[in-house]
Amino acid sequence: MKIEILGPGCARCQALEKNVRKAVEEMGIDAEIVKITEMGKIVSYGVMSTPGVMVDGKLKGAGKLFSVEEIKEMLKD
């Protein structure tokens, strides 16, 4: 599984990365976690408000700091 965290590196983006890592650890998932900070690439994914989360190339959510529980739901799909 590949999880991409979309954002320029702001505090919310950093907090989202921590939540993603915690969700992955709690679920025991083998995942590659990648940070995408280039705004041109982020916008090309259709994200206008960061942070965002993509799982295996599919946008799962953007524009807010998702909780660990919300991320777990994204990863179940």
C-alpha atoms as a PDB file:
ATOM      1  CA  MET A   1       0.000   0.000   0.000  1.00  0.00           C
ATOM      2  CA  LYS A   2       1.239   3.479  -0.847  1.00  0.00           C
ATOM      3  CA  ILE A   3       0.011   6.443   1.191  1.00  0.00           C
ATOM      4  CA  GLU A   4       0.803   9.951  -0.005  1.00  0.00           C
ATOM      5  CA  ILE A   5       0.530  12.939   2.314  1.00  0.00           C
ATOM      6  CA  LEU A   6      -0.099  16.086   0.316  1.00  0.00           C
ATOM      7  CA  GLY A   7       0.991  19.422   1.751  1.00  0.00           C
ATOM      8  CA  PRO A   8       3.755  22.012   1.855  1.00  0.00           C
ATOM      9  CA  GLY A   9       5.061  20.915   5.264  1.00  0.00           C
ATOM     10  CA  CYS A  10       2.916  23.105   7.526  1.00  0.00           C
ATOM     11  CA  ALA A  11       2.078  22.111  11.114  1.00  0.00           C
ATOM     12  CA  ARG A  12      -1.203  20.467  10.024  1.00  0.00           C
ATOM     13  CA  CYS A  13       0.637  18.476   7.357  1.00  0.00           C
ATOM     14  CA  GLN A  14       3.189  17.285   9.906  1.00  0.00           C
ATOM     15  CA  ALA A  15       0.424  16.328  12.344  1.00  0.00           C
ATOM     16  CA  LEU A  16      -1.355  14.430   9.555  1.00  0.00           C
ATOM     17  CA  GLU A  17       1.811  12.464   8.842  1.00  0.00           C
ATOM     18  CA  LYS A  18       2.012  11.473  12.524  1.00  0.00           C
ATOM     19  CA  ASN A  19      -1.643  10.382  12.480  1.00  0.00           C
ATOM     20  CA  VAL A  20      -1.116   8.349   9.296  1.00  0.00           C
ATOM     21  CA  ARG A  21       1.925   6.612  10.774  1.00  0.00           C
ATOM     22  CA  LYS A  22       0.012   5.846  13.982  1.00  0.00           C
ATOM     23  CA  ALA A  23      -2.987   4.451  12.046  1.00  0.00           C
ATOM     24  CA  VAL A  24      -0.718   2.247   9.926  1.00  0.00           C
ATOM     25  CA  GLU A  25       1.094   0.995  13.030  1.00  0.00           C
ATOM     26  CA  GLU A  26      -2.141   0.277  14.923  1.00  0.00           C
ATOM     27  CA  MET A  27      -3.588  -1.609  11.953  1.00  0.00           C
ATOM     28  CA  GLY A  28      -0.379  -3.555  11.329  1.00  0.00           C
ATOM     29  CA  ILE A  29      -0.341  -2.542   7.667  1.00  0.00           C
ATOM     30  CA  ASP A  30       2.776  -2.672   5.510  1.00  0.00           C
ATOM     31  CA  ALA A  31       2.672   0.744   3.827  1.00  0.00           C
ATOM     32  CA  GLU A  32       5.005   3.104   2.048  1.00  0.00           C
ATOM     33  CA  ILE A  33       4.371   6.642   3.317  1.00  0.00           C
ATOM     34  CA  VAL A  34       5.455   9.444   1.006  1.00  0.00           C
ATOM     35  CA  LYS A  35       5.249  13.212   1.501  1.00  0.00           C
ATOM     36  CA  ILE A  36       4.360  15.294  -1.562  1.00  0.00           C
ATOM     37  CA  THR A  37       5.293  18.943  -0.988  1.00  0.00           C
ATOM     38  CA  GLU A  38       5.398  20.301  -4.546  1.00  0.00           C
ATOM     39  CA  MET A  39       2.280  22.476  -4.929  1.00  0.00           C
ATOM     40  CA  GLY A  40       2.074  21.903  -8.693  1.00  0.00           C
ATOM     41  CA  LYS A  41       1.828  18.164  -8.149  1.00  0.00           C
ATOM     42  CA  ILE A  42      -0.659  18.568  -5.287  1.00  0.00           C
ATOM     43  CA  VAL A  43      -2.926  20.752  -7.446  1.00  0.00           C
ATOM     44  CA  SER A  44      -2.640  18.245 -10.311  1.00  0.00           C
ATOM     45  CA  TYR A  45      -4.321  15.720  -7.980  1.00  0.00           C
ATOM     46  CA  GLY A  46      -7.274  18.098  -7.637  1.00  0.00           C
ATOM     47  CA  VAL A  47      -6.365  19.246  -4.131  1.00  0.00           C
ATOM     48  CA  MET A  48      -6.957  22.939  -3.532  1.00  0.00           C
ATOM     49  CA  SER A  49      -6.765  22.854   0.257  1.00  0.00           C
ATOM     50  CA  THR A  50      -4.087  20.954   2.166  1.00  0.00           C
ATOM     51  CA  PRO A  51      -3.363  18.662   3.820  1.00  0.00           C
ATOM     52  CA  GLY A  52      -4.568  15.748   1.750  1.00  0.00           C
ATOM     53  CA  VAL A  53      -4.307  11.971   1.772  1.00  0.00           C
ATOM     54  CA  MET A  54      -4.016   9.633  -1.204  1.00  0.00           C
ATOM     55  CA  VAL A  55      -4.070   5.855  -0.882  1.00  0.00           C
ATOM     56  CA  ASP A  56      -2.814   3.783  -3.807  1.00  0.00           C
ATOM     57  CA  GLY A  57      -3.308   6.717  -6.182  1.00  0.00           C
ATOM     58  CA  LYS A  58      -6.852   7.588  -5.037  1.00  0.00           C
ATOM     59  CA  LEU A  59      -7.621  10.830  -3.209  1.00  0.00           C
ATOM     60  CA  LYS A  60      -9.263   9.908   0.104  1.00  0.00           C
ATOM     61  CA  GLY A  61      -9.615  13.374   1.618  1.00  0.00           C
ATOM     62  CA  ALA A  62      -8.253  16.908   1.716  1.00  0.00           C
ATOM     63  CA  GLY A  63      -8.575  20.218   3.468  1.00  0.00           C
ATOM     64  CA  LYS A  64      -8.432  19.117   7.088  1.00  0.00           C
ATOM     65  CA  LEU A  65      -6.363  17.328   9.667  1.00  0.00           C
ATOM     66  CA  PHE A  66      -7.782  13.809   9.711  1.00  0.00           C
ATOM     67  CA  SER A  67      -7.841  11.888  12.991  1.00  0.00           C
ATOM     68  CA  VAL A  68      -6.243   8.469  13.415  1.00  0.00           C
ATOM     69  CA  GLU A  69      -9.728   6.901  13.351  1.00  0.00           C
ATOM     70  CA  GLU A  70     -10.663   8.726  10.118  1.00  0.00           C
ATOM     71  CA  ILE A  71      -7.429   7.539   8.516  1.00  0.00           C
ATOM     72  CA  LYS A  72      -8.141   3.950   9.568  1.00  0.00           C
ATOM     73  CA  GLU A  73     -11.487   4.178   7.740  1.00  0.00           C
ATOM     74  CA  MET A  74      -9.692   5.453   4.619  1.00  0.00           C
ATOM     75  CA  LEU A  75      -7.281   2.534   4.757  1.00  0.00           C
ATOM     76  CA  LYS A  76     -10.041  -0.088   5.090  1.00  0.00           C
ATOM     77  CA  ASP A  77     -11.424   0.641   1.604  1.00  0.00           C
END
